[in-house]
Amino acid sequence: MRLALALVHYPVLDRSGETVTTAITNLDLHDMARSARTYGAERLFVVHPVAAQRALAERIKEHWVIGSGKRRIPDRAVALDVLSVVPSLDDVYSALSGAGRRGVEVWTTAAASRGLPVTSYAATRARLAQASDPVVILFGTGWGLAPEVIADADVRVEPIRAEASTGYNHLSVRAACAITLDRLLGDRNAG
């Protein structure tokens, strides 16, 4: 199994449903890289079309992987070493497969199904175990991935739902990433 994650900043939605580009946040990079490393994802791609935002992500990575951050907290270097910063989803697909999009299995996540069919975590675990092509799980920032990204997915992973129905469902992307990875790759026998 070859698994990668992508933190997508474009194309994503704002609260009005318009397609926008969101800003990179330091916490997302740190926490998602730590989750990726913990659960064995090969790479965490940060997808952003704006060069200045990509440069910011690269500076953060450099600080922790080769700079003074590495000397102070070496474990953070191990985590952030999985980070790759790219301008587009096409760059993600090319990095994972010489065949581009058709050589990669693309999975999306969302807080709601938006009326599209979704795949349960049990079925996605089984599919991941059998995958021959690299799998990339896309996580959207803002108010989620744009409809065309979700429509293009090979798998739409079911939304995360708490057992207690509070009526509130707005996890941070880094929390959703950790929960998703644990449901897909965590020890199912842990008590």
Protein backbone atom coordinates (compact mmCIF):
# COMPACT_ATOMS: atom_id res chain seq x y z
CA MET A 1 0.00 0.00 0.00
CA ARG A 2 1.29 3.42 -0.98
CA LEU A 3 -0.65 6.16 0.81
CA ALA A 4 -0.31 9.92 0.56
CA LEU A 5 -2.37 12.81 1.89
CA ALA A 6 -3.07 16.17 0.30
CA LEU A 7 -4.11 19.31 2.14
CA VAL A 8 -5.97 21.23 -0.58
CA HIS A 9 -6.21 25.03 -0.46
CA TYR A 10 -7.61 25.33 -3.99
CA PRO A 11 -10.15 24.57 -5.32
CA VAL A 12 -12.18 24.72 -2.11
CA LEU A 13 -15.41 26.41 -1.06
CA ASP A 14 -16.16 29.35 1.18
CA ARG A 15 -19.24 29.56 3.39
CA SER A 16 -21.31 30.88 0.45
CA GLY A 17 -20.38 27.94 -1.74
CA GLU A 18 -18.04 29.97 -3.97
CA THR A 19 -14.77 28.44 -5.13
CA VAL A 20 -11.86 30.17 -3.39
CA THR A 21 -8.24 29.78 -2.33
CA THR A 22 -7.59 29.59 1.42
CA ALA A 23 -4.48 30.54 3.37
CA ILE A 24 -1.95 28.05 4.74
CA THR A 25 -1.90 27.71 8.52
CA ASN A 26 1.12 26.61 10.49
CA LEU A 27 -0.86 24.28 12.80
CA ASP A 28 -2.34 22.32 9.88
CA LEU A 29 1.13 21.61 8.50
CA HIS A 30 2.52 20.47 11.84
CA ASP A 31 -0.41 18.38 12.99
CA MET A 32 -1.18 16.74 9.65
CA ALA A 33 2.51 15.90 9.11
CA ARG A 34 2.63 14.32 12.57
CA SER A 35 -0.50 12.27 11.79
CA ALA A 36 0.87 11.27 8.37
CA ARG A 37 4.14 10.07 9.89
CA THR A 38 2.40 8.27 12.77
CA TYR A 39 0.12 6.28 10.45
CA GLY A 40 2.72 5.61 7.75
CA ALA A 41 1.60 7.90 4.93
CA GLU A 42 4.52 8.40 2.54
CA ARG A 43 3.83 12.07 1.87
CA LEU A 44 1.69 15.00 2.85
CA PHE A 45 1.20 17.34 -0.08
CA VAL A 46 0.23 20.94 0.54
CA VAL A 47 -1.60 22.17 -2.57
CA HIS A 48 -1.58 25.95 -3.06
CA PRO A 49 -1.54 27.94 -6.32
CA VAL A 50 -0.02 31.11 -4.79
CA ALA A 51 3.79 31.18 -4.83
CA ALA A 52 4.06 33.30 -1.66
CA GLN A 53 1.96 30.79 0.28
CA ARG A 54 4.03 27.88 -1.01
CA ALA A 55 7.19 29.75 0.03
CA LEU A 56 5.73 30.16 3.53
CA ALA A 57 5.10 26.40 3.79
CA GLU A 58 8.62 25.69 2.53
CA ARG A 59 10.11 28.06 5.14
CA ILE A 60 8.17 26.31 7.90
CA LYS A 61 9.39 22.92 6.67
CA GLU A 62 12.99 24.14 6.35
CA HIS A 63 12.97 25.53 9.90
CA TRP A 64 11.93 22.16 11.35
CA VAL A 65 13.76 19.79 8.98
CA ILE A 66 17.17 21.47 8.66
CA GLY A 67 17.02 24.64 10.78
CA SER A 68 17.11 25.45 14.47
CA GLY A 69 13.77 23.70 15.02
CA LYS A 70 15.44 20.37 14.21
CA ARG A 71 18.06 20.93 16.89
CA ARG A 72 15.44 21.79 19.50
CA ILE A 73 12.76 19.20 18.64
CA PRO A 74 14.22 16.46 16.41
CA ASP A 75 10.94 14.51 16.33
CA ARG A 76 9.29 17.40 14.49
CA ALA A 77 11.91 17.10 11.73
CA VAL A 78 10.95 13.46 11.21
CA ALA A 79 7.29 14.45 10.86
CA LEU A 80 7.71 17.49 8.62
CA ASP A 81 10.08 15.64 6.33
CA VAL A 82 6.98 14.05 4.68
CA LEU A 83 5.80 17.50 3.53
CA SER A 84 5.81 18.36 -0.19
CA VAL A 85 4.50 21.72 -1.36
CA VAL A 86 2.97 21.88 -4.85
CA PRO A 87 0.87 24.33 -6.90
CA SER A 88 -1.91 21.96 -8.06
CA LEU A 89 -3.58 18.60 -7.71
CA ASP A 90 -2.09 17.62 -11.07
CA ASP A 91 1.34 18.04 -9.46
CA VAL A 92 0.28 15.65 -6.68
CA TYR A 93 -0.84 13.03 -9.20
CA SER A 94 2.35 13.40 -11.26
CA ALA A 95 4.53 13.05 -8.16
CA LEU A 96 2.76 9.83 -7.19
CA SER A 97 2.54 8.23 -10.62
CA GLY A 98 4.25 8.66 -13.95
CA ALA A 99 0.79 8.13 -15.43
CA GLY A 100 -0.70 11.26 -13.78
CA ARG A 101 -4.28 11.16 -12.53
CA ARG A 102 -5.11 7.80 -14.12
CA GLY A 103 -2.27 6.12 -12.20
CA VAL A 104 -3.51 7.31 -8.80
CA GLU A 105 -6.54 6.34 -6.76
CA VAL A 106 -8.07 9.59 -5.48
CA TRP A 107 -10.15 9.58 -2.31
CA THR A 108 -11.98 12.57 -0.91
CA THR A 109 -13.28 13.44 2.52
CA ALA A 110 -16.12 15.76 3.43
CA ALA A 111 -18.19 16.79 6.43
CA ALA A 112 -21.35 15.94 4.45
CA SER A 113 -22.12 13.53 1.62
CA ARG A 114 -23.74 16.28 -0.53
CA GLY A 115 -26.08 13.64 -1.93
CA LEU A 116 -23.26 11.62 -3.52
CA PRO A 117 -22.61 7.97 -2.77
CA VAL A 118 -20.00 7.42 -0.06
CA THR A 119 -17.90 4.44 0.98
CA SER A 120 -17.85 3.23 4.59
CA TYR A 121 -14.66 3.16 6.60
CA ALA A 122 -14.81 -0.65 6.72
CA ALA A 123 -14.96 -0.83 2.91
CA THR A 124 -12.22 1.78 2.50
CA ARG A 125 -9.94 -0.12 4.91
CA ALA A 126 -10.37 -3.25 2.81
CA ARG A 127 -9.86 -1.34 -0.44
CA LEU A 128 -6.72 0.34 0.89
CA ALA A 129 -5.24 -3.02 1.88
CA GLN A 130 -5.73 -4.28 -1.69
CA ALA A 131 -4.76 -1.10 -3.60
CA SER A 132 -2.20 -1.60 -6.35
CA ASP A 133 -2.02 2.06 -7.42
CA PRO A 134 -0.93 4.79 -5.00
CA VAL A 135 -3.83 6.21 -2.97
CA VAL A 136 -4.07 9.89 -2.11
CA ILE A 137 -6.65 11.15 0.37
CA LEU A 138 -7.66 14.77 -0.26
CA PHE A 139 -8.56 17.00 2.67
CA GLY A 140 -10.19 20.33 1.87
CA THR A 141 -9.69 23.55 3.76
CA GLY A 142 -12.29 26.32 4.08
CA TRP A 143 -15.75 24.81 3.73
CA GLY A 144 -14.53 21.76 1.86
CA LEU A 145 -13.38 20.57 -1.53
CA ALA A 146 -14.94 22.04 -4.66
CA PRO A 147 -17.66 19.88 -6.28
CA GLU A 148 -15.53 19.05 -9.34
CA VAL A 149 -12.82 17.57 -7.11
CA ILE A 150 -15.33 15.42 -5.25
CA ALA A 151 -17.00 14.33 -8.50
CA ASP A 152 -13.60 13.22 -9.90
CA ALA A 153 -12.82 11.00 -6.88
CA ASP A 154 -12.57 7.24 -7.11
CA VAL A 155 -13.75 6.97 -3.49
CA ARG A 156 -15.70 9.43 -1.37
CA VAL A 157 -15.02 8.40 2.22
CA GLU A 158 -18.08 8.64 4.45
CA PRO A 159 -18.30 11.77 6.63
CA ILE A 160 -17.03 11.60 10.19
CA ARG A 161 -19.93 11.47 12.59
CA ALA A 162 -19.81 11.44 16.35
CA GLU A 163 -21.87 8.85 18.20
CA ALA A 164 -23.61 11.62 20.12
CA SER A 165 -25.75 13.70 17.80
CA THR A 166 -25.03 17.28 18.77
CA GLY A 167 -26.10 18.81 15.48
CA TYR A 168 -22.64 20.38 15.21
CA ASN A 169 -20.18 19.03 12.64
CA HIS A 170 -17.30 21.36 11.87
CA LEU A 171 -14.00 19.68 12.74
CA SER A 172 -10.70 21.30 11.91
CA VAL A 173 -9.03 19.72 8.90
CA ARG A 174 -6.18 18.49 11.09
CA ALA A 175 -8.62 16.75 13.46
CA ALA A 176 -10.51 15.21 10.54
CA CYS A 177 -7.21 13.95 9.12
CA ALA A 178 -6.22 12.27 12.38
CA ILE A 179 -9.64 10.64 12.81
CA THR A 180 -9.70 9.46 9.20
CA LEU A 181 -6.23 7.92 9.46
CA ASP A 182 -7.10 6.21 12.70
CA ARG A 183 -10.30 4.76 11.24
CA LEU A 184 -8.41 3.51 8.18
CA LEU A 185 -5.13 2.40 9.72
CA GLY A 186 -5.58 2.32 13.48
CA ASP A 187 -5.54 -0.80 15.59
CA ARG A 188 -9.10 -2.09 15.40
CA ASN A 189 -8.45 -4.29 18.43
CA ALA A 190 -7.32 -1.49 20.73
CA GLY A 191 -9.46 -1.26 23.81
